[in-house]
Amino acid sequence: MAPVLRVEEGDITTYAVDAIVNAANEALASGGGVCGAIHRAAGPDLAAACARIGHCPTGDARLTPGFRLPARFVIHAVGPVWRGGSADEDRQLAACYRAIAAIAKREGFRTIAVPAISTGIYGFPAERAARIAIATMAETLAGTDIETIFVAFGAESSAHLRTALAALTSSA
């Protein structure tokens, strides 16, 4: 049994999966980019659920219902802000993806849709982030049949994720 990893270009808010992943901030507040899009699509109940949780540290994740989204749940994962690579960002990003996988396994999810965490306003280099995301999810979900769809917002992000997935597949 091996996890299924694939890359698609699209709008993560439209995916009818067990859970979509929100590239969240530590306050779990609505923001820009994918976070803002998810909050808008889910409706105000998502903000209220996040406010009840209150906080999530970098490298960790929290779970809420999906409310008005086609996904049943939202996994709010907090990736690191890029500080040039000397502030343990790689480890923090990998921890973020491990936290996503842990929730998916604990909840018995079969399908999750994941964005390119930390590559937007947080400035993490997209190619480097893609390698970490693909490798960490493949390793953490080994022995499961959980399907992870990496949903890229744009051709450049999609290309980085596809390259990382191809490299992993060719080295296996």
Protein backbone atom coordinates (compact mmCIF):
# COMPACT_ATOMS: atom_id res chain seq x y z
CA MET A 1 0.00 0.00 0.00
CA ALA A 2 1.43 3.35 -1.01
CA PRO A 3 0.07 6.86 -0.75
CA VAL A 4 -1.20 8.40 -3.96
CA LEU A 5 0.40 11.76 -4.68
CA ARG A 6 -0.62 13.87 -7.64
CA VAL A 7 -0.42 17.46 -8.81
CA GLU A 8 -3.23 19.52 -10.32
CA GLU A 9 -3.57 23.17 -11.18
CA GLY A 10 -6.79 24.67 -9.86
CA ASP A 11 -8.84 26.35 -7.15
CA ILE A 12 -8.53 24.38 -3.91
CA THR A 13 -11.85 25.75 -2.63
CA THR A 14 -13.71 23.69 -5.26
CA TYR A 15 -12.35 20.26 -4.26
CA ALA A 16 -14.88 17.77 -2.87
CA VAL A 17 -12.43 15.82 -0.70
CA ASP A 18 -12.34 14.80 2.94
CA ALA A 19 -10.22 17.86 3.76
CA ILE A 20 -8.56 20.77 2.08
CA VAL A 21 -5.52 22.36 3.66
CA ASN A 22 -5.43 26.05 4.45
CA ALA A 23 -2.07 27.83 4.40
CA ALA A 24 -2.90 29.52 7.68
CA ASN A 25 -1.28 32.09 9.94
CA GLU A 26 -0.65 31.48 13.64
CA ALA A 27 -3.77 33.45 14.62
CA LEU A 28 -5.89 31.28 12.28
CA ALA A 29 -7.38 34.52 10.99
CA SER A 30 -8.50 35.12 7.44
CA GLY A 31 -5.71 36.55 5.33
CA GLY A 32 -4.78 36.91 1.71
CA GLY A 33 -4.07 34.29 -0.93
CA VAL A 34 -5.36 30.77 -0.40
CA CYS A 35 -6.26 31.52 3.22
CA GLY A 36 -8.57 34.38 2.26
CA ALA A 37 -10.11 32.36 -0.56
CA ILE A 38 -10.87 29.45 1.76
CA HIS A 39 -12.41 31.72 4.40
CA ARG A 40 -14.58 33.48 1.80
CA ALA A 41 -15.78 30.19 0.31
CA ALA A 42 -16.45 28.55 3.69
CA GLY A 43 -18.40 31.51 5.07
CA PRO A 44 -18.29 33.24 8.47
CA ASP A 45 -18.66 30.04 10.49
CA LEU A 46 -15.08 29.13 9.60
CA ALA A 47 -13.73 32.33 11.16
CA ALA A 48 -15.79 31.65 14.29
CA ALA A 49 -14.44 28.08 14.54
CA CYS A 50 -10.88 29.34 14.10
CA ALA A 51 -11.43 32.01 16.76
CA ARG A 52 -12.53 29.29 19.20
CA ILE A 53 -9.26 27.42 18.56
CA GLY A 54 -7.38 30.69 18.89
CA HIS A 55 -3.81 29.85 17.89
CA CYS A 56 -1.65 27.38 16.02
CA PRO A 57 2.15 27.50 16.18
CA THR A 58 4.34 27.41 13.08
CA GLY A 59 4.91 23.85 11.96
CA ASP A 60 1.62 22.56 13.35
CA ALA A 61 -1.98 22.19 12.15
CA ARG A 62 -5.55 22.33 13.46
CA LEU A 63 -8.84 20.91 12.15
CA THR A 64 -12.22 22.58 11.60
CA PRO A 65 -15.36 21.66 9.67
CA GLY A 66 -15.50 22.82 6.04
CA PHE A 67 -18.84 24.62 6.46
CA ARG A 68 -19.90 25.86 2.97
CA LEU A 69 -16.94 24.24 1.19
CA PRO A 70 -17.40 21.02 -0.81
CA ALA A 71 -14.67 19.56 1.44
CA ARG A 72 -15.93 18.15 4.74
CA PHE A 73 -13.03 19.60 6.75
CA VAL A 74 -10.27 22.19 6.65
CA ILE A 75 -6.81 21.43 8.02
CA HIS A 76 -5.24 24.77 8.96
CA ALA A 77 -1.47 24.37 8.64
CA VAL A 78 0.99 27.09 9.59
CA GLY A 79 4.16 27.16 7.55
CA PRO A 80 7.22 29.29 8.22
CA VAL A 81 7.99 32.76 6.96
CA TRP A 82 11.14 32.60 4.82
CA ARG A 83 14.03 34.36 6.54
CA GLY A 84 16.78 33.41 4.10
CA GLY A 85 17.10 29.76 5.06
CA SER A 86 19.04 30.14 8.28
CA ALA A 87 16.07 30.16 10.69
CA ASP A 88 15.21 26.43 10.50
CA GLU A 89 12.59 27.05 7.81
CA ASP A 90 13.06 23.68 6.06
CA ARG A 91 12.46 21.76 9.29
CA GLN A 92 9.43 23.91 10.15
CA LEU A 93 7.89 23.39 6.71
CA ALA A 94 8.43 19.63 6.90
CA ALA A 95 6.85 19.64 10.38
CA CYS A 96 3.85 21.44 8.94
CA TYR A 97 3.34 18.71 6.32
CA ARG A 98 3.86 15.98 8.95
CA ALA A 99 1.12 17.61 11.06
CA ILE A 100 -1.23 17.57 8.04
CA ALA A 101 -0.52 13.86 7.47
CA ALA A 102 -1.01 13.07 11.17
CA ILE A 103 -4.47 14.66 11.15
CA ALA A 104 -5.40 12.88 7.91
CA LYS A 105 -4.37 9.51 9.37
CA ARG A 106 -6.02 10.15 12.76
CA GLU A 107 -9.31 11.16 11.15
CA GLY A 108 -9.31 8.33 8.62
CA PHE A 109 -9.34 10.67 5.64
CA ARG A 110 -9.03 9.09 2.20
CA THR A 111 -8.47 12.28 0.16
CA ILE A 112 -6.86 15.62 0.97
CA ALA A 113 -6.07 18.63 -1.20
CA VAL A 114 -2.98 20.63 -0.26
CA PRO A 115 -1.68 24.01 -1.49
CA ALA A 116 1.95 25.07 -1.77
CA ILE A 117 2.31 26.21 1.85
CA SER A 118 4.50 29.24 2.66
CA THR A 119 5.28 30.02 -0.99
CA GLY A 120 3.04 33.06 -1.29
CA ILE A 121 3.35 36.08 0.98
CA TYR A 122 5.58 34.05 3.36
CA GLY A 123 8.23 34.02 0.60
CA PHE A 124 9.51 30.43 0.87
CA PRO A 125 11.27 29.57 -2.43
CA ALA A 126 8.70 27.58 -4.40
CA GLU A 127 11.05 24.96 -5.86
CA ARG A 128 12.58 24.20 -2.46
CA ALA A 129 9.14 24.10 -0.80
CA ALA A 130 7.85 21.68 -3.46
CA ARG A 131 10.69 19.22 -2.79
CA ILE A 132 10.02 19.37 0.97
CA ALA A 133 6.24 19.01 0.53
CA ILE A 134 6.39 16.02 -1.82
CA ALA A 135 9.13 14.17 0.08
CA THR A 136 7.54 14.74 3.50
CA MET A 137 4.06 13.66 2.46
CA ALA A 138 5.41 10.57 0.66
CA GLU A 139 7.43 9.58 3.73
CA THR A 140 4.78 10.41 6.32
CA LEU A 141 1.93 8.73 4.46
CA ALA A 142 3.90 5.59 3.53
CA GLY A 143 1.88 2.51 4.35
CA THR A 144 -1.44 4.28 3.75
CA ASP A 145 -3.58 4.71 0.66
CA ILE A 146 -4.45 8.33 1.40
CA GLU A 147 -4.67 10.33 -1.80
CA THR A 148 -2.94 13.71 -1.61
CA ILE A 149 -3.71 16.18 -4.36
CA PHE A 150 -1.22 19.03 -4.45
CA VAL A 151 -3.32 21.87 -5.83
CA ALA A 152 -1.17 24.49 -7.52
CA PHE A 153 -2.42 27.99 -8.11
CA GLY A 154 -0.64 28.75 -11.36
CA ALA A 155 1.67 27.11 -13.87
CA GLU A 156 4.92 27.93 -12.08
CA SER A 157 3.85 26.30 -8.81
CA SER A 158 2.48 23.34 -10.73
CA ALA A 159 5.79 22.89 -12.56
CA HIS A 160 7.78 22.90 -9.30
CA LEU A 161 5.48 20.34 -7.72
CA ARG A 162 5.48 18.10 -10.83
CA THR A 163 9.29 18.22 -10.98
CA ALA A 164 9.57 17.28 -7.30
CA LEU A 165 7.07 14.43 -7.74
CA ALA A 166 8.89 13.12 -10.83
CA ALA A 167 12.23 13.21 -8.98
CA LEU A 168 10.75 11.26 -6.07
CA THR A 169 9.16 8.70 -8.40
CA SER A 170 12.37 8.19 -10.39
CA SER A 171 14.46 7.67 -7.26
CA ALA A 172 12.03 5.12 -5.77
